[in-house]
Amino acid sequence: DTLTVSALIPIDSSGQKVLTQPAVVSVILRETVTLDCNIQRDDNSISWLKQVPGSPPQNILRFYYSWSAPDKYGAGFSSSRFTSKAKSNKIDYQLIISNVEASDSAVYYCYTWDDSVSAGVSQ
């Protein structure tokens, strides 16, 4: 059996910069799939989201380059099946899903905060 994963679709969120590589990936159940994300700037962290059509996005994990491992997982996600890696350039990141299940069929997003976007309040 196979499933199709739509991966890395940009999202418009105030204060967030989302730069990704769109892709559709077909995966064999119980295999491992790797999704790539290029954030186009040197950054120390990246977060991954999963969205099933018709449902709100779910936080999968946050990955810090300096720690070489995810530091925080969303509800229902764990290191036993979900992890992330980064290349030494701090630009290219990967989400790795092990033992793929039918319920993993979704749209996946990667994002990082854009520090150049800020808002101020004056009185």
C-alpha atoms as a PDB file:
ATOM      1  CA  ASP A   1       0.000   0.000   0.000  1.00  0.00           C
ATOM      2  CA  THR A   2       1.110   3.566  -0.634  1.00  0.00           C
ATOM      3  CA  LEU A   3      -0.022   6.988   0.460  1.00  0.00           C
ATOM      4  CA  THR A   4       0.641  10.426  -0.938  1.00  0.00           C
ATOM      5  CA  VAL A   5       2.080  13.209   1.176  1.00  0.00           C
ATOM      6  CA  SER A   6       1.857  16.810   0.019  1.00  0.00           C
ATOM      7  CA  ALA A   7       4.851  18.431   1.560  1.00  0.00           C
ATOM      8  CA  LEU A   8       6.197  21.859   2.279  1.00  0.00           C
ATOM      9  CA  ILE A   9       3.514  24.237   1.106  1.00  0.00           C
ATOM     10  CA  PRO A  10       4.202  27.881   2.099  1.00  0.00           C
ATOM     11  CA  ILE A  11       1.865  29.484   4.628  1.00  0.00           C
ATOM     12  CA  ASP A  12       1.194  33.165   5.147  1.00  0.00           C
ATOM     13  CA  SER A  13       1.559  33.993   8.814  1.00  0.00           C
ATOM     14  CA  SER A  14       2.319  37.391  10.211  1.00  0.00           C
ATOM     15  CA  GLY A  15       5.807  37.423  11.676  1.00  0.00           C
ATOM     16  CA  GLN A  16       6.827  34.140  10.099  1.00  0.00           C
ATOM     17  CA  LYS A  17       8.944  33.591   7.023  1.00  0.00           C
ATOM     18  CA  VAL A  18       8.153  30.353   5.235  1.00  0.00           C
ATOM     19  CA  LEU A  19      10.438  29.333   2.387  1.00  0.00           C
ATOM     20  CA  THR A  20      10.116  25.786   1.203  1.00  0.00           C
ATOM     21  CA  GLN A  21      10.483  23.329  -1.626  1.00  0.00           C
ATOM     22  CA  PRO A  22       7.021  22.190  -2.770  1.00  0.00           C
ATOM     23  CA  ALA A  23       6.778  18.444  -3.341  1.00  0.00           C
ATOM     24  CA  VAL A  24       4.360  15.560  -3.486  1.00  0.00           C
ATOM     25  CA  VAL A  25       5.762  12.321  -2.149  1.00  0.00           C
ATOM     26  CA  SER A  26       4.350   8.806  -2.486  1.00  0.00           C
ATOM     27  CA  VAL A  27       5.344   6.583   0.405  1.00  0.00           C
ATOM     28  CA  ILE A  28       5.083   2.850   1.047  1.00  0.00           C
ATOM     29  CA  LEU A  29       3.396   2.127   4.360  1.00  0.00           C
ATOM     30  CA  ARG A  30       5.752   1.112   7.185  1.00  0.00           C
ATOM     31  CA  GLU A  31       8.746   2.608   5.313  1.00  0.00           C
ATOM     32  CA  THR A  32      10.647   5.813   6.162  1.00  0.00           C
ATOM     33  CA  VAL A  33      10.117   9.093   4.332  1.00  0.00           C
ATOM     34  CA  THR A  34      12.332  12.185   4.370  1.00  0.00           C
ATOM     35  CA  LEU A  35      10.907  15.624   3.576  1.00  0.00           C
ATOM     36  CA  ASP A  36      13.314  18.426   2.678  1.00  0.00           C
ATOM     37  CA  CYS A  37      13.045  22.104   3.488  1.00  0.00           C
ATOM     38  CA  ASN A  38      15.337  24.940   2.413  1.00  0.00           C
ATOM     39  CA  ILE A  39      14.737  28.089   4.457  1.00  0.00           C
ATOM     40  CA  GLN A  40      17.118  30.178   2.307  1.00  0.00           C
ATOM     41  CA  ARG A  41      18.905  31.799   5.211  1.00  0.00           C
ATOM     42  CA  ASP A  42      21.196  30.729   8.022  1.00  0.00           C
ATOM     43  CA  ASP A  43      18.984  30.008  11.004  1.00  0.00           C
ATOM     44  CA  ASN A  44      19.427  28.007  14.188  1.00  0.00           C
ATOM     45  CA  SER A  45      15.921  26.547  14.403  1.00  0.00           C
ATOM     46  CA  ILE A  46      13.022  25.253  12.360  1.00  0.00           C
ATOM     47  CA  SER A  47       9.563  23.967  13.195  1.00  0.00           C
ATOM     48  CA  TRP A  48       7.416  21.422  11.379  1.00  0.00           C
ATOM     49  CA  LEU A  49       3.621  21.285  11.145  1.00  0.00           C
ATOM     50  CA  LYS A  50       1.203  18.655   9.836  1.00  0.00           C
ATOM     51  CA  GLN A  51      -2.205  19.564   8.425  1.00  0.00           C
ATOM     52  CA  VAL A  52      -4.900  17.120   7.394  1.00  0.00           C
ATOM     53  CA  PRO A  53      -7.334  18.851   4.984  1.00  0.00           C
ATOM     54  CA  GLY A  54     -10.274  20.287   6.918  1.00  0.00           C
ATOM     55  CA  SER A  55      -8.390  20.269  10.227  1.00  0.00           C
ATOM     56  CA  PRO A  56      -6.152  22.855  11.919  1.00  0.00           C
ATOM     57  CA  PRO A  57      -2.363  22.454  11.680  1.00  0.00           C
ATOM     58  CA  GLN A  58      -0.644  20.382  14.369  1.00  0.00           C
ATOM     59  CA  ASN A  59       2.820  21.084  15.750  1.00  0.00           C
ATOM     60  CA  ILE A  60       5.089  18.110  15.069  1.00  0.00           C
ATOM     61  CA  LEU A  61       8.397  19.304  16.462  1.00  0.00           C
ATOM     62  CA  ARG A  62      10.880  22.136  16.850  1.00  0.00           C
ATOM     63  CA  PHE A  63      14.500  21.487  15.924  1.00  0.00           C
ATOM     64  CA  TYR A  64      17.514  23.503  17.065  1.00  0.00           C
ATOM     65  CA  TYR A  65      20.645  23.218  14.959  1.00  0.00           C
ATOM     66  CA  SER A  66      22.970  23.786  17.914  1.00  0.00           C
ATOM     67  CA  TRP A  67      21.409  20.869  19.806  1.00  0.00           C
ATOM     68  CA  SER A  68      21.404  18.507  16.782  1.00  0.00           C
ATOM     69  CA  ALA A  69      18.022  17.154  17.866  1.00  0.00           C
ATOM     70  CA  PRO A  70      14.400  18.223  18.316  1.00  0.00           C
ATOM     71  CA  ASP A  71      13.774  19.880  21.674  1.00  0.00           C
ATOM     72  CA  LYS A  72       9.986  19.936  21.679  1.00  0.00           C
ATOM     73  CA  TYR A  73       7.263  17.669  20.286  1.00  0.00           C
ATOM     74  CA  GLY A  74       3.593  18.442  19.730  1.00  0.00           C
ATOM     75  CA  ALA A  75       0.814  16.350  21.252  1.00  0.00           C
ATOM     76  CA  GLY A  76       0.634  12.936  19.613  1.00  0.00           C
ATOM     77  CA  PHE A  77       4.114  13.115  18.067  1.00  0.00           C
ATOM     78  CA  SER A  78       7.232  11.467  19.483  1.00  0.00           C
ATOM     79  CA  SER A  79      10.862  10.769  18.696  1.00  0.00           C
ATOM     80  CA  SER A  80      10.017   7.120  18.032  1.00  0.00           C
ATOM     81  CA  ARG A  81       8.630   8.087  14.597  1.00  0.00           C
ATOM     82  CA  PHE A  82       9.394  11.771  13.979  1.00  0.00           C
ATOM     83  CA  THR A  83      12.778  13.452  13.948  1.00  0.00           C
ATOM     84  CA  SER A  84      14.614  16.200  12.119  1.00  0.00           C
ATOM     85  CA  LYS A  85      18.114  16.843  10.834  1.00  0.00           C
ATOM     86  CA  ALA A  86      20.041  19.813   9.501  1.00  0.00           C
ATOM     87  CA  LYS A  87      22.935  20.221   7.136  1.00  0.00           C
ATOM     88  CA  SER A  88      25.944  22.217   8.272  1.00  0.00           C
ATOM     89  CA  ASN A  89      24.801  25.306   6.336  1.00  0.00           C
ATOM     90  CA  LYS A  90      21.815  25.816   8.732  1.00  0.00           C
ATOM     91  CA  ILE A  91      19.678  26.330   5.611  1.00  0.00           C
ATOM     92  CA  ASP A  92      18.708  22.791   4.593  1.00  0.00           C
ATOM     93  CA  TYR A  93      16.585  20.809   7.042  1.00  0.00           C
ATOM     94  CA  GLN A  94      14.805  17.460   6.896  1.00  0.00           C
ATOM     95  CA  LEU A  95      11.788  15.908   8.581  1.00  0.00           C
ATOM     96  CA  ILE A  96      12.112  12.125   8.859  1.00  0.00           C
ATOM     97  CA  ILE A  97       8.999  10.029   9.480  1.00  0.00           C
ATOM     98  CA  SER A  98       9.635   6.376  10.315  1.00  0.00           C
ATOM     99  CA  ASN A  99       7.197   3.472  10.066  1.00  0.00           C
ATOM    100  CA  VAL A 100       4.803   5.531   7.927  1.00  0.00           C
ATOM    101  CA  GLU A 101       1.109   5.037   8.687  1.00  0.00           C
ATOM    102  CA  ALA A 102      -1.976   5.871   6.606  1.00  0.00           C
ATOM    103  CA  SER A 103      -2.785   8.629   9.115  1.00  0.00           C
ATOM    104  CA  ASP A 104       0.462  10.399   8.109  1.00  0.00           C
ATOM    105  CA  SER A 105      -1.157  11.435   4.817  1.00  0.00           C
ATOM    106  CA  ALA A 106      -1.259  15.236   5.108  1.00  0.00           C
ATOM    107  CA  VAL A 107       0.286  18.523   4.072  1.00  0.00           C
ATOM    108  CA  TYR A 108       3.533  19.236   5.945  1.00  0.00           C
ATOM    109  CA  TYR A 109       4.952  22.697   6.553  1.00  0.00           C
ATOM    110  CA  CYS A 110       8.332  23.910   7.706  1.00  0.00           C
ATOM    111  CA  TYR A 111       8.815  27.401   9.052  1.00  0.00           C
ATOM    112  CA  THR A 112      11.158  29.624  10.969  1.00  0.00           C
ATOM    113  CA  TRP A 113      10.716  33.003  12.605  1.00  0.00           C
ATOM    114  CA  ASP A 114      11.794  36.033  10.608  1.00  0.00           C
ATOM    115  CA  ASP A 115      13.505  38.398  13.045  1.00  0.00           C
ATOM    116  CA  SER A 116      13.346  41.224  10.509  1.00  0.00           C
ATOM    117  CA  VAL A 117       9.561  41.382  10.927  1.00  0.00           C
ATOM    118  CA  SER A 118       8.526  43.274  14.007  1.00  0.00           C
ATOM    119  CA  ALA A 119       5.609  45.299  15.270  1.00  0.00           C
ATOM    120  CA  GLY A 120       5.632  48.200  17.649  1.00  0.00           C
ATOM    121  CA  VAL A 121       2.975  49.980  19.660  1.00  0.00           C
ATOM    122  CA  SER A 122       3.290  53.681  20.384  1.00  0.00           C
ATOM    123  CA  GLN A 123       1.172  55.789  22.709  1.00  0.00           C
END
